[in-house]
Structures are given as C-alpha cells and as structure tokens.
Amino acid sequence: MTTETTHVLFAFADLAPDTARRVEVAGHAVAVARIGDDIYAIGDTCSHAEVSLSQGWVEPDDCTIECEAHGAQFDLRTGEALTLPATRPVATYQVGVVDGMVVLTLDGTDTGAAQ
C-alpha cells in the first residue's frame, strides 16, 4: 500500500511561461517548469555536476530544460538526459494545476532517484 501526499506549491499564474522555479518538498529539491499551460516537475539537481536545473533555460519547442553550467539537456516529461555531459536521468514527479494552484503529489515511494 502506497501513501500519497499532496503539496500545494504556489499559484500557477506566479510561474511565467517557459521558466522554472526550485521548490523543496518533503526533502526533495524539485524544479517546476511551465511551458504554455503545461506544468512539469523534475529533480532540480543536474545528474552531471550538482547544479540547480531551475537556474537553467526551459526550451518550449523540445520540452526540455538545459543546465546552465555545462549545457546538458533533460526531457521535462521523462527526466531523461538528452545531451552530454549528463548521462543519467533525473527524477520526475506528479504535478498538476488544481483551482489555479500548482500541486505536487508524492506517492510514498518517491526517493528523489530517477524513475
């Protein structure tokens, strides 16, 4: 049996399109990114060099985020590392918008490891 916990993060309108923001949720550093009306949540730490992904660039055409340090790109949908120097994925998290608020759900098995 898994236990889900829901965390209300911030108002969706407070996150500009094509940007990301770092949040801490139950011990997880999470990058929440917005592309248009879509929202994504991935582990905030680049798997290559311990750099905050939320400080990088959201690429709306590719649905990716690029690490500002060395240019590694990650798929916002899957967490997959798409370009070198990163070779390992980052975690992804369940996220959505409920009544205008960004809501992240942890399922009790989330460890912050790539899924």
PDB file of N, CA and C in Angstrom:
ATOM      1  N   MET A   1       0.842  -1.179   0.000  1.00  0.00           N
ATOM      2  CA  MET A   1       0.000   0.000   0.000  1.00  0.00           C
ATOM      3  C   MET A   1       0.884   1.238   0.000  1.00  0.00           C
ATOM      4  N   THR A   2       0.656   2.121  -0.973  1.00  0.00           N
ATOM      5  CA  THR A   2       1.415   3.367  -1.010  1.00  0.00           C
ATOM      6  C   THR A   2       0.554   4.502  -0.484  1.00  0.00           C
ATOM      7  N   THR A   3       1.201   5.430   0.152  1.00  0.00           N
ATOM      8  CA  THR A   3       0.516   6.589   0.692  1.00  0.00           C
ATOM      9  C   THR A   3       0.889   7.804  -0.127  1.00  0.00           C
ATOM     10  N   GLU A   4      -0.094   8.452  -0.699  1.00  0.00           N
ATOM     11  CA  GLU A   4       0.158   9.666  -1.465  1.00  0.00           C
ATOM     12  C   GLU A   4       0.034  10.881  -0.564  1.00  0.00           C
ATOM     13  N   THR A   5       0.940  11.828  -0.772  1.00  0.00           N
ATOM     14  CA  THR A   5       0.839  13.105  -0.085  1.00  0.00           C
ATOM     15  C   THR A   5       0.832  14.200  -1.136  1.00  0.00           C
ATOM     16  N   THR A   6      -0.079  15.131  -0.960  1.00  0.00           N
ATOM     17  CA  THR A   6      -0.232  16.226  -1.906  1.00  0.00           C
ATOM     18  C   THR A   6       0.293  17.502  -1.273  1.00  0.00           C
ATOM     19  N   HIS A   7       1.044  18.261  -2.074  1.00  0.00           N
ATOM     20  CA  HIS A   7       1.658  19.502  -1.598  1.00  0.00           C
ATOM     21  C   HIS A   7       1.263  20.640  -2.532  1.00  0.00           C
ATOM     22  N   VAL A   8       0.593  21.653  -1.983  1.00  0.00           N
ATOM     23  CA  VAL A   8       0.263  22.843  -2.750  1.00  0.00           C
ATOM     24  C   VAL A   8       1.502  23.729  -2.739  1.00  0.00           C
ATOM     25  N   LEU A   9       2.010  24.089  -3.935  1.00  0.00           N
ATOM     26  CA  LEU A   9       3.285  24.776  -4.029  1.00  0.00           C
ATOM     27  C   LEU A   9       3.153  26.294  -4.162  1.00  0.00           C
ATOM     28  N   PHE A  10       2.415  26.748  -5.172  1.00  0.00           N
ATOM     29  CA  PHE A  10       2.261  28.185  -5.425  1.00  0.00           C
ATOM     30  C   PHE A  10       1.200  28.361  -6.510  1.00  0.00           C
ATOM     31  N   ALA A  11       0.790  29.597  -6.736  1.00  0.00           N
ATOM     32  CA  ALA A  11      -0.206  29.871  -7.778  1.00  0.00           C
ATOM     33  C   ALA A  11       0.413  29.661  -9.155  1.00  0.00           C
ATOM     34  N   PHE A  12      -0.298  28.968 -10.026  1.00  0.00           N
ATOM     35  CA  PHE A  12       0.169  28.711 -11.383  1.00  0.00           C
ATOM     36  C   PHE A  12       0.532  30.015 -12.089  1.00  0.00           C
ATOM     37  N   ALA A  13      -0.260  31.049 -11.882  1.00  0.00           N
ATOM     38  CA  ALA A  13      -0.025  32.345 -12.528  1.00  0.00           C
ATOM     39  C   ALA A  13       1.293  32.983 -12.083  1.00  0.00           C
ATOM     40  N   ASP A  14       1.840  32.547 -10.957  1.00  0.00           N
ATOM     41  CA  ASP A  14       3.099  33.113 -10.460  1.00  0.00           C
ATOM     42  C   ASP A  14       4.334  32.552 -11.167  1.00  0.00           C
ATOM     43  N   LEU A  15       4.148  31.559 -12.018  1.00  0.00           N
ATOM     44  CA  LEU A  15       5.259  30.989 -12.775  1.00  0.00           C
ATOM     45  C   LEU A  15       5.079  31.390 -14.238  1.00  0.00           C
ATOM     46  N   ALA A  16       5.970  32.244 -14.716  1.00  0.00           N
ATOM     47  CA  ALA A  16       5.867  32.730 -16.094  1.00  0.00           C
ATOM     48  C   ALA A  16       6.078  31.584 -17.075  1.00  0.00           C
ATOM     49  N   PRO A  17       5.436  31.653 -18.242  1.00  0.00           N
ATOM     50  CA  PRO A  17       5.653  30.615 -19.247  1.00  0.00           C
ATOM     51  C   PRO A  17       7.136  30.508 -19.625  1.00  0.00           C
ATOM     52  N   ASP A  18       7.561  29.278 -19.892  1.00  0.00           N
ATOM     53  CA  ASP A  18       8.925  28.984 -20.340  1.00  0.00           C
ATOM     54  C   ASP A  18       9.984  29.325 -19.289  1.00  0.00           C
ATOM     55  N   THR A  19       9.608  29.150 -18.025  1.00  0.00           N
ATOM     56  CA  THR A  19      10.542  29.333 -16.916  1.00  0.00           C
ATOM     57  C   THR A  19      10.406  28.172 -15.949  1.00  0.00           C
ATOM     58  N   ALA A  20      11.340  28.122 -14.988  1.00  0.00           N
ATOM     59  CA  ALA A  20      11.309  27.090 -13.950  1.00  0.00           C
ATOM     60  C   ALA A  20      11.578  27.738 -12.605  1.00  0.00           C
ATOM     61  N   ARG A  21      11.165  27.053 -11.565  1.00  0.00           N
ATOM     62  CA  ARG A  21      11.363  27.511 -10.193  1.00  0.00           C
ATOM     63  C   ARG A  21      11.722  26.316  -9.329  1.00  0.00           C
ATOM     64  N   ARG A  22      12.646  26.525  -8.393  1.00  0.00           N
ATOM     65  CA  ARG A  22      13.034  25.473  -7.452  1.00  0.00           C
ATOM     66  C   ARG A  22      12.118  25.525  -6.231  1.00  0.00           C
ATOM     67  N   VAL A  23      11.684  24.336  -5.796  1.00  0.00           N
ATOM     68  CA  VAL A  23      10.931  24.200  -4.555  1.00  0.00           C
ATOM     69  C   VAL A  23      11.511  23.022  -3.777  1.00  0.00           C
ATOM     70  N   GLU A  24      11.358  23.066  -2.481  1.00  0.00           N
ATOM     71  CA  GLU A  24      11.736  21.946  -1.611  1.00  0.00           C
ATOM     72  C   GLU A  24      10.447  21.311  -1.123  1.00  0.00           C
ATOM     73  N   VAL A  25      10.305  20.006  -1.362  1.00  0.00           N
ATOM     74  CA  VAL A  25       9.100  19.290  -0.971  1.00  0.00           C
ATOM     75  C   VAL A  25       9.510  18.008  -0.272  1.00  0.00           C
ATOM     76  N   ALA A  26       9.221  17.917   1.001  1.00  0.00           N
ATOM     77  CA  ALA A  26       9.481  16.692   1.769  1.00  0.00           C
ATOM     78  C   ALA A  26      10.894  16.162   1.539  1.00  0.00           C
ATOM     79  N   GLY A  27      11.866  17.059   1.558  1.00  0.00           N
ATOM     80  CA  GLY A  27      13.252  16.653   1.391  1.00  0.00           C
ATOM     81  C   GLY A  27      13.714  16.501  -0.048  1.00  0.00           C
ATOM     82  N   HIS A  28      12.855  16.800  -0.999  1.00  0.00           N
ATOM     83  CA  HIS A  28      13.184  16.709  -2.420  1.00  0.00           C
ATOM     84  C   HIS A  28      13.387  18.113  -2.985  1.00  0.00           C
ATOM     85  N   ALA A  29      14.489  18.334  -3.681  1.00  0.00           N
ATOM     86  CA  ALA A  29      14.686  19.572  -4.440  1.00  0.00           C
ATOM     87  C   ALA A  29      14.072  19.326  -5.809  1.00  0.00           C
ATOM     88  N   VAL A  30      13.066  20.123  -6.156  1.00  0.00           N
ATOM     89  CA  VAL A  30      12.291  19.904  -7.370  1.00  0.00           C
ATOM     90  C   VAL A  30      12.310  21.161  -8.231  1.00  0.00           C
ATOM     91  N   ALA A  31      12.540  20.986  -9.527  1.00  0.00           N
ATOM     92  CA  ALA A  31      12.406  22.070 -10.496  1.00  0.00           C
ATOM     93  C   ALA A  31      11.015  21.955 -11.108  1.00  0.00           C
ATOM     94  N   VAL A  32      10.203  22.981 -10.920  1.00  0.00           N
ATOM     95  CA  VAL A  32       8.869  23.021 -11.513  1.00  0.00           C
ATOM     96  C   VAL A  32       8.956  23.956 -12.714  1.00  0.00           C
ATOM     97  N   ALA A  33       8.614  23.438 -13.883  1.00  0.00           N
ATOM     98  CA  ALA A  33       8.730  24.205 -15.115  1.00  0.00           C
ATOM     99  C   ALA A  33       7.365  24.346 -15.778  1.00  0.00           C
ATOM    100  N   ARG A  34       7.198  25.491 -16.444  1.00  0.00           N
ATOM    101  CA  ARG A  34       5.955  25.764 -17.166  1.00  0.00           C
ATOM    102  C   ARG A  34       6.267  26.005 -18.637  1.00  0.00           C
ATOM    103  N   ILE A  35       5.503  25.334 -19.488  1.00  0.00           N
ATOM    104  CA  ILE A  35       5.528  25.594 -20.916  1.00  0.00           C
ATOM    105  C   ILE A  35       4.071  25.812 -21.326  1.00  0.00           C
ATOM    106  N   GLY A  36       3.740  27.026 -21.693  1.00  0.00           N
ATOM    107  CA  GLY A  36       2.349  27.359 -22.010  1.00  0.00           C
ATOM    108  C   GLY A  36       1.469  27.085 -20.806  1.00  0.00           C
ATOM    109  N   ASP A  37       0.462  26.242 -20.984  1.00  0.00           N
ATOM    110  CA  ASP A  37      -0.423  25.870 -19.877  1.00  0.00           C
ATOM    111  C   ASP A  37      -0.046  24.534 -19.256  1.00  0.00           C
ATOM    112  N   ASP A  38       1.088  23.960 -19.679  1.00  0.00           N
ATOM    113  CA  ASP A  38       1.541  22.675 -19.146  1.00  0.00           C
ATOM    114  C   ASP A  38       2.570  22.894 -18.047  1.00  0.00           C
ATOM    115  N   ILE A  39       2.572  21.993 -17.068  1.00  0.00           N
ATOM    116  CA  ILE A  39       3.472  22.090 -15.915  1.00  0.00           C
ATOM    117  C   ILE A  39       4.200  20.759 -15.757  1.00  0.00           C
ATOM    118  N   TYR A  40       5.466  20.829 -15.376  1.00  0.00           N
ATOM    119  CA  TYR A  40       6.311  19.641 -15.232  1.00  0.00           C
ATOM    120  C   TYR A  40       7.106  19.764 -13.940  1.00  0.00           C
ATOM    121  N   ALA A  41       7.492  18.634 -13.378  1.00  0.00           N
ATOM    122  CA  ALA A  41       8.322  18.636 -12.172  1.00  0.00           C
ATOM    123  C   ALA A  41       9.375  17.543 -12.291  1.00  0.00           C
ATOM    124  N   ILE A  42      10.634  17.956 -12.158  1.00  0.00           N
ATOM    125  CA  ILE A  42      11.754  17.017 -12.216  1.00  0.00           C
ATOM    126  C   ILE A  42      12.717  17.341 -11.083  1.00  0.00           C
ATOM    127  N   GLY A  43      13.602  16.408 -10.801  1.00  0.00           N
ATOM    128  CA  GLY A  43      14.636  16.665  -9.805  1.00  0.00           C
ATOM    129  C   GLY A  43      15.425  17.902 -10.196  1.00  0.00           C
ATOM    130  N   ASP A  44      15.703  18.769  -9.236  1.00  0.00           N
ATOM    131  CA  ASP A  44      16.328  20.058  -9.548  1.00  0.00           C
ATOM    132  C   ASP A  44      17.835  19.983  -9.706  1.00  0.00           C
ATOM    133  N   THR A  45      18.452  18.883  -9.381  1.00  0.00           N
ATOM    134  CA  THR A  45      19.914  18.809  -9.428  1.00  0.00           C
ATOM    135  C   THR A  45      20.378  18.054 -10.664  1.00  0.00           C
ATOM    136  N   CYS A  46      21.183  18.722 -11.481  1.00  0.00           N
ATOM    137  CA  CYS A  46      21.737  18.090 -12.684  1.00  0.00           C
ATOM    138  C   CYS A  46      22.499  16.832 -12.280  1.00  0.00           C
ATOM    139  N   SER A  47      22.293  15.760 -13.024  1.00  0.00           N
ATOM    140  CA  SER A  47      22.952  14.490 -12.696  1.00  0.00           C
ATOM    141  C   SER A  47      24.427  14.493 -13.079  1.00  0.00           C
ATOM    142  N   HIS A  48      24.878  15.531 -13.720  1.00  0.00           N
ATOM    143  CA  HIS A  48      26.285  15.617 -14.101  1.00  0.00           C
ATOM    144  C   HIS A  48      27.117  16.376 -13.075  1.00  0.00           C
ATOM    145  N   ALA A  49      26.614  17.533 -12.591  1.00  0.00           N
ATOM    146  CA  ALA A  49      27.509  18.399 -11.821  1.00  0.00           C
ATOM    147  C   ALA A  49      26.880  19.129 -10.643  1.00  0.00           C
ATOM    148  N   GLU A  50      25.846  18.558 -10.043  1.00  0.00           N
ATOM    149  CA  GLU A  50      25.277  19.136  -8.824  1.00  0.00           C
ATOM    150  C   GLU A  50      24.901  20.614  -8.975  1.00  0.00           C
ATOM    151  N   VAL A  51      24.314  20.965 -10.113  1.00  0.00           N
ATOM    152  CA  VAL A  51      23.886  22.332 -10.394  1.00  0.00           C
ATOM    153  C   VAL A  51      22.366  22.353 -10.446  1.00  0.00           C
ATOM    154  N   SER A  52      21.761  23.438  -9.965  1.00  0.00           N
ATOM    155  CA  SER A  52      20.311  23.575  -9.969  1.00  0.00           C
ATOM    156  C   SER A  52      19.784  23.726 -11.393  1.00  0.00           C
ATOM    157  N   LEU A  53      18.941  22.794 -11.814  1.00  0.00           N
ATOM    158  CA  LEU A  53      18.369  22.869 -13.155  1.00  0.00           C
ATOM    159  C   LEU A  53      17.400  24.039 -13.298  1.00  0.00           C
ATOM    160  N   SER A  54      16.753  24.433 -12.217  1.00  0.00           N
ATOM    161  CA  SER A  54      15.792  25.532 -12.300  1.00  0.00           C
ATOM    162  C   SER A  54      16.466  26.857 -12.647  1.00  0.00           C
ATOM    163  N   GLN A  55      17.777  26.917 -12.515  1.00  0.00           N
ATOM    164  CA  GLN A  55      18.525  28.123 -12.892  1.00  0.00           C
ATOM    165  C   GLN A  55      18.872  28.125 -14.377  1.00  0.00           C
ATOM    166  N   GLY A  56      18.558  27.038 -15.058  1.00  0.00           N
ATOM    167  CA  GLY A  56      18.867  26.914 -16.482  1.00  0.00           C
ATOM    168  C   GLY A  56      17.762  27.479 -17.352  1.00  0.00           C
ATOM    169  N   TRP A  57      17.684  26.984 -18.589  1.00  0.00           N
ATOM    170  CA  TRP A  57      16.762  27.502 -19.582  1.00  0.00           C
ATOM    171  C   TRP A  57      15.751  26.451 -19.972  1.00  0.00           C
ATOM    172  N   VAL A  58      14.470  26.842 -19.951  1.00  0.00           N
ATOM    173  CA  VAL A  58      13.391  25.977 -20.411  1.00  0.00           C
ATOM    174  C   VAL A  58      13.264  26.169 -21.918  1.00  0.00           C
ATOM    175  N   GLU A  59      13.289  25.066 -22.651  1.00  0.00           N
ATOM    176  CA  GLU A  59      13.193  25.079 -24.108  1.00  0.00           C
ATOM    177  C   GLU A  59      11.810  24.555 -24.506  1.00  0.00           C
ATOM    178  N   PRO A  60      10.862  25.462 -24.797  1.00  0.00           N
ATOM    179  CA  PRO A  60       9.487  25.024 -25.044  1.00  0.00           C
ATOM    180  C   PRO A  60       9.321  24.152 -26.288  1.00  0.00           C
ATOM    181  N   ASP A  61      10.110  24.382 -27.327  1.00  0.00           N
ATOM    182  CA  ASP A  61       9.946  23.601 -28.555  1.00  0.00           C
ATOM    183  C   ASP A  61      10.311  22.131 -28.370  1.00  0.00           C
ATOM    184  N   ASP A  62      11.254  21.862 -27.457  1.00  0.00           N
ATOM    185  CA  ASP A  62      11.711  20.493 -27.220  1.00  0.00           C
ATOM    186  C   ASP A  62      11.186  19.899 -25.922  1.00  0.00           C
ATOM    187  N   CYS A  63      10.487  20.701 -25.116  1.00  0.00           N
ATOM    188  CA  CYS A  63      10.021  20.284 -23.784  1.00  0.00           C
ATOM    189  C   CYS A  63      11.208  19.802 -22.940  1.00  0.00           C
ATOM    190  N   THR A  64      12.257  20.637 -22.902  1.00  0.00           N
ATOM    191  CA  THR A  64      13.462  20.302 -22.158  1.00  0.00           C
ATOM    192  C   THR A  64      13.856  21.454 -21.249  1.00  0.00           C
ATOM    193  N   ILE A  65      14.796  21.147 -20.368  1.00  0.00           N
ATOM    194  CA  ILE A  65      15.451  22.164 -19.562  1.00  0.00           C
ATOM    195  C   ILE A  65      16.952  21.948 -19.730  1.00  0.00           C
ATOM    196  N   GLU A  66      17.681  23.051 -19.865  1.00  0.00           N
ATOM    197  CA  GLU A  66      19.121  22.988 -20.089  1.00  0.00           C
ATOM    198  C   GLU A  66      19.859  23.502 -18.861  1.00  0.00           C
ATOM    199  N   CYS A  67      20.810  22.716 -18.393  1.00  0.00           N
ATOM    200  CA  CYS A  67      21.625  23.094 -17.248  1.00  0.00           C
ATOM    201  C   CYS A  67      22.515  24.273 -17.633  1.00  0.00           C
ATOM    202  N   GLU A  68      22.546  25.274 -16.774  1.00  0.00           N
ATOM    203  CA  GLU A  68      23.326  26.467 -17.084  1.00  0.00           C
ATOM    204  C   GLU A  68      24.837  26.233 -17.009  1.00  0.00           C
ATOM    205  N   ALA A  69      25.276  25.220 -16.310  1.00  0.00           N
ATOM    206  CA  ALA A  69      26.714  25.029 -16.118  1.00  0.00           C
ATOM    207  C   ALA A  69      27.421  24.461 -17.349  1.00  0.00           C
ATOM    208  N   HIS A  70      26.904  23.368 -17.884  1.00  0.00           N
ATOM    209  CA  HIS A  70      27.609  22.689 -18.973  1.00  0.00           C
ATOM    210  C   HIS A  70      26.723  22.358 -20.168  1.00  0.00           C
ATOM    211  N   GLY A  71      25.465  22.814 -20.149  1.00  0.00           N
ATOM    212  CA  GLY A  71      24.595  22.643 -21.308  1.00  0.00           C
ATOM    213  C   GLY A  71      23.883  21.318 -21.439  1.00  0.00           C
ATOM    214  N   ALA A  72      23.948  20.464 -20.433  1.00  0.00           N
ATOM    215  CA  ALA A  72      23.208  19.196 -20.504  1.00  0.00           C
ATOM    216  C   ALA A  72      21.714  19.496 -20.565  1.00  0.00           C
ATOM    217  N   GLN A  73      20.993  18.762 -21.397  1.00  0.00           N
ATOM    218  CA  GLN A  73      19.552  18.940 -21.516  1.00  0.00           C
ATOM    219  C   GLN A  73      18.828  17.705 -20.988  1.00  0.00           C
ATOM    220  N   PHE A  74      17.678  17.968 -20.349  1.00  0.00           N
ATOM    221  CA  PHE A  74      16.844  16.912 -19.783  1.00  0.00           C
ATOM    222  C   PHE A  74      15.428  17.068 -20.290  1.00  0.00           C
ATOM    223  N   ASP A  75      14.797  15.938 -20.616  1.00  0.00           N
ATOM    224  CA  ASP A  75      13.400  15.921 -21.032  1.00  0.00           C
ATOM    225  C   ASP A  75      12.537  16.196 -19.807  1.00  0.00           C
ATOM    226  N   LEU A  76      11.691  17.217 -19.888  1.00  0.00           N
ATOM    227  CA  LEU A  76      10.837  17.566 -18.750  1.00  0.00           C
ATOM    228  C   LEU A  76       9.762  16.517 -18.494  1.00  0.00           C
ATOM    229  N   ARG A  77       9.420  15.716 -19.488  1.00  0.00           N
ATOM    230  CA  ARG A  77       8.379  14.695 -19.317  1.00  0.00           C
ATOM    231  C   ARG A  77       8.901  13.444 -18.648  1.00  0.00           C
ATOM    232  N   THR A  78      10.153  13.074 -18.962  1.00  0.00           N
ATOM    233  CA  THR A  78      10.683  11.786 -18.506  1.00  0.00           C
ATOM    234  C   THR A  78      11.886  11.897 -17.581  1.00  0.00           C
ATOM    235  N   GLY A  79      12.539  13.059 -17.553  1.00  0.00           N
ATOM    236  CA  GLY A  79      13.762  13.226 -16.774  1.00  0.00           C
ATOM    237  C   GLY A  79      14.997  12.694 -17.478  1.00  0.00           C
ATOM    238  N   GLU A  80      14.826  12.127 -18.676  1.00  0.00           N
ATOM    239  CA  GLU A  80      15.939  11.534 -19.412  1.00  0.00           C
ATOM    240  C   GLU A  80      16.985  12.589 -19.769  1.00  0.00           C
ATOM    241  N   ALA A  81      18.256  12.232 -19.581  1.00  0.00           N
ATOM    242  CA  ALA A  81      19.363  13.080 -20.022  1.00  0.00           C
ATOM    243  C   ALA A  81      19.469  12.944 -21.533  1.00  0.00           C
ATOM    244  N   LEU A  82      19.381  14.071 -22.244  1.00  0.00           N
ATOM    245  CA  LEU A  82      19.358  14.039 -23.702  1.00  0.00           C
ATOM    246  C   LEU A  82      20.690  14.402 -24.336  1.00  0.00           C
ATOM    247  N   THR A  83      21.520  15.153 -23.609  1.00  0.00           N
ATOM    248  CA  THR A  83      22.805  15.573 -24.171  1.00  0.00           C
ATOM    249  C   THR A  83      23.899  15.434 -23.127  1.00  0.00           C
ATOM    250  N   LEU A  84      25.104  15.244 -23.633  1.00  0.00           N
ATOM    251  CA  LEU A  84      26.275  15.215 -22.765  1.00  0.00           C
ATOM    252  C   LEU A  84      26.528  16.625 -22.239  1.00  0.00           C
ATOM    253  N   PRO A  85      27.136  16.760 -21.094  1.00  0.00           N
ATOM    254  CA  PRO A  85      27.878  15.731 -20.392  1.00  0.00           C
ATOM    255  C   PRO A  85      27.031  14.860 -19.457  1.00  0.00           C
ATOM    256  N   ALA A  86      25.749  15.130 -19.300  1.00  0.00           N
ATOM    257  CA  ALA A  86      24.910  14.295 -18.439  1.00  0.00           C
ATOM    258  C   ALA A  86      24.607  12.979 -19.147  1.00  0.00           C
ATOM    259  N   THR A  87      24.658  11.889 -18.391  1.00  0.00           N
ATOM    260  CA  THR A  87      24.337  10.576 -18.942  1.00  0.00           C
ATOM    261  C   THR A  87      23.256   9.864 -18.125  1.00  0.00           C
ATOM    262  N   ARG A  88      22.973  10.374 -16.935  1.00  0.00           N
ATOM    263  CA  ARG A  88      21.965   9.757 -16.062  1.00  0.00           C
ATOM    264  C   ARG A  88      20.722  10.640 -15.994  1.00  0.00           C
ATOM    265  N   PRO A  89      19.539  10.047 -15.922  1.00  0.00           N
ATOM    266  CA  PRO A  89      18.308  10.831 -15.815  1.00  0.00           C
ATOM    267  C   PRO A  89      18.163  11.458 -14.431  1.00  0.00           C
ATOM    268  N   VAL A  90      17.210  12.367 -14.327  1.00  0.00           N
ATOM    269  CA  VAL A  90      16.814  12.922 -13.034  1.00  0.00           C
ATOM    270  C   VAL A  90      15.385  12.462 -12.749  1.00  0.00           C
ATOM    271  N   ALA A  91      14.991  12.541 -11.510  1.00  0.00           N
ATOM    272  CA  ALA A  91      13.653  12.089 -11.105  1.00  0.00           C
ATOM    273  C   ALA A  91      12.567  12.947 -11.742  1.00  0.00           C
ATOM    274  N   THR A  92      11.412  12.350 -11.913  1.00  0.00           N
ATOM    275  CA  THR A  92      10.222  13.094 -12.313  1.00  0.00           C
ATOM    276  C   THR A  92       9.169  12.927 -11.223  1.00  0.00           C
ATOM    277  N   TYR A  93       8.279  13.901 -11.141  1.00  0.00           N
ATOM    278  CA  TYR A  93       7.257  13.897 -10.101  1.00  0.00           C
ATOM    279  C   TYR A  93       5.899  14.208 -10.708  1.00  0.00           C
ATOM    280  N   GLN A  94       4.841  13.706 -10.051  1.00  0.00           N
ATOM    281  CA  GLN A  94       3.473  14.003 -10.458  1.00  0.00           C
ATOM    282  C   GLN A  94       3.166  15.440 -10.085  1.00  0.00           C
ATOM    283  N   VAL A  95       2.711  16.224 -11.055  1.00  0.00           N
ATOM    284  CA  VAL A  95       2.388  17.621 -10.795  1.00  0.00           C
ATOM    285  C   VAL A  95       1.202  18.011 -11.665  1.00  0.00           C
ATOM    286  N   GLY A  96       0.411  18.934 -11.176  1.00  0.00           N
ATOM    287  CA  GLY A  96      -0.738  19.420 -11.926  1.00  0.00           C
ATOM    288  C   GLY A  96      -1.189  20.754 -11.380  1.00  0.00           C
ATOM    289  N   VAL A  97      -2.280  21.243 -11.945  1.00  0.00           N
ATOM    290  CA  VAL A  97      -2.856  22.510 -11.505  1.00  0.00           C
ATOM    291  C   VAL A  97      -4.276  22.217 -11.035  1.00  0.00           C
ATOM    292  N   VAL A  98      -4.555  22.599  -9.789  1.00  0.00           N
ATOM    293  CA  VAL A  98      -5.869  22.407  -9.188  1.00  0.00           C
ATOM    294  C   VAL A  98      -6.329  23.757  -8.652  1.00  0.00           C
ATOM    295  N   ASP A  99      -7.460  24.219  -9.152  1.00  0.00           N
ATOM    296  CA  ASP A  99      -8.013  25.509  -8.718  1.00  0.00           C
ATOM    297  C   ASP A  99      -6.977  26.628  -8.782  1.00  0.00           C
ATOM    298  N   GLY A 100      -6.181  26.629  -9.854  1.00  0.00           N
ATOM    299  CA  GLY A 100      -5.201  27.680 -10.068  1.00  0.00           C
ATOM    300  C   GLY A 100      -3.913  27.543  -9.281  1.00  0.00           C
ATOM    301  N   MET A 101      -3.772  26.445  -8.533  1.00  0.00           N
ATOM    302  CA  MET A 101      -2.568  26.231  -7.726  1.00  0.00           C
ATOM    303  C   MET A 101      -1.785  25.035  -8.269  1.00  0.00           C
ATOM    304  N   VAL A 102      -0.446  25.161  -8.266  1.00  0.00           N
ATOM    305  CA  VAL A 102       0.413  24.054  -8.666  1.00  0.00           C
ATOM    306  C   VAL A 102       0.472  23.066  -7.504  1.00  0.00           C
ATOM    307  N   VAL A 103       0.154  21.808  -7.791  1.00  0.00           N
ATOM    308  CA  VAL A 103       0.074  20.769  -6.769  1.00  0.00           C
ATOM    309  C   VAL A 103       0.984  19.616  -7.170  1.00  0.00           C
ATOM    310  N   LEU A 104       1.852  19.218  -6.246  1.00  0.00           N
ATOM    311  CA  LEU A 104       2.765  18.099  -6.465  1.00  0.00           C
ATOM    312  C   LEU A 104       2.341  16.947  -5.568  1.00  0.00           C
ATOM    313  N   THR A 105       2.311  15.743  -6.124  1.00  0.00           N
ATOM    314  CA  THR A 105       1.917  14.565  -5.370  1.00  0.00           C
ATOM    315  C   THR A 105       3.093  13.611  -5.264  1.00  0.00           C
ATOM    316  N   LEU A 106       3.435  13.226  -4.050  1.00  0.00           N
ATOM    317  CA  LEU A 106       4.438  12.192  -3.808  1.00  0.00           C
ATOM    318  C   LEU A 106       3.685  10.930  -3.447  1.00  0.00           C
ATOM    319  N   ASP A 107       4.105   9.794  -4.014  1.00  0.00           N
ATOM    320  CA  ASP A 107       3.331   8.566  -3.825  1.00  0.00           C
ATOM    321  C   ASP A 107       3.819   7.672  -2.686  1.00  0.00           C
ATOM    322  N   GLY A 108       4.737   8.164  -1.886  1.00  0.00           N
ATOM    323  CA  GLY A 108       5.231   7.358  -0.774  1.00  0.00           C
ATOM    324  C   GLY A 108       6.423   6.523  -1.135  1.00  0.00           C
ATOM    325  N   THR A 109       6.629   6.313  -2.439  1.00  0.00           N
ATOM    326  CA  THR A 109       7.818   5.573  -2.876  1.00  0.00           C
ATOM    327  C   THR A 109       8.837   6.508  -3.516  1.00  0.00           C
ATOM    328  N   ASP A 110       8.485   7.798  -3.651  1.00  0.00           N
ATOM    329  CA  ASP A 110       9.406   8.755  -4.252  1.00  0.00           C
ATOM    330  C   ASP A 110      10.626   8.900  -3.365  1.00  0.00           C
ATOM    331  N   THR A 111      11.777   8.662  -3.965  1.00  0.00           N
ATOM    332  CA  THR A 111      13.033   8.746  -3.216  1.00  0.00           C
ATOM    333  C   THR A 111      13.921   9.872  -3.718  1.00  0.00           C
ATOM    334  N   GLY A 112      13.479  10.542  -4.787  1.00  0.00           N
ATOM    335  CA  GLY A 112      14.317  11.555  -5.400  1.00  0.00           C
ATOM    336  C   GLY A 112      15.239  10.964  -6.442  1.00  0.00           C
ATOM    337  N   ALA A 113      15.210   9.640  -6.597  1.00  0.00           N
ATOM    338  CA  ALA A 113      16.016   8.968  -7.615  1.00  0.00           C
ATOM    339  C   ALA A 113      15.259   9.001  -8.933  1.00  0.00           C
ATOM    340  N   ALA A 114      15.974   8.874  -9.998  1.00  0.00           N
ATOM    341  CA  ALA A 114      15.327   8.863 -11.312  1.00  0.00           C
ATOM    342  C   ALA A 114      14.391   7.667 -11.406  1.00  0.00           C
ATOM    343  N   GLN A 115      13.246   7.902 -12.018  1.00  0.00           N
ATOM    344  CA  GLN A 115      12.227   6.866 -12.144  1.00  0.00           C
ATOM    345  C   GLN A 115      12.249   6.274 -13.524  1.00  0.00           C
TER     346      GLN A 115
END
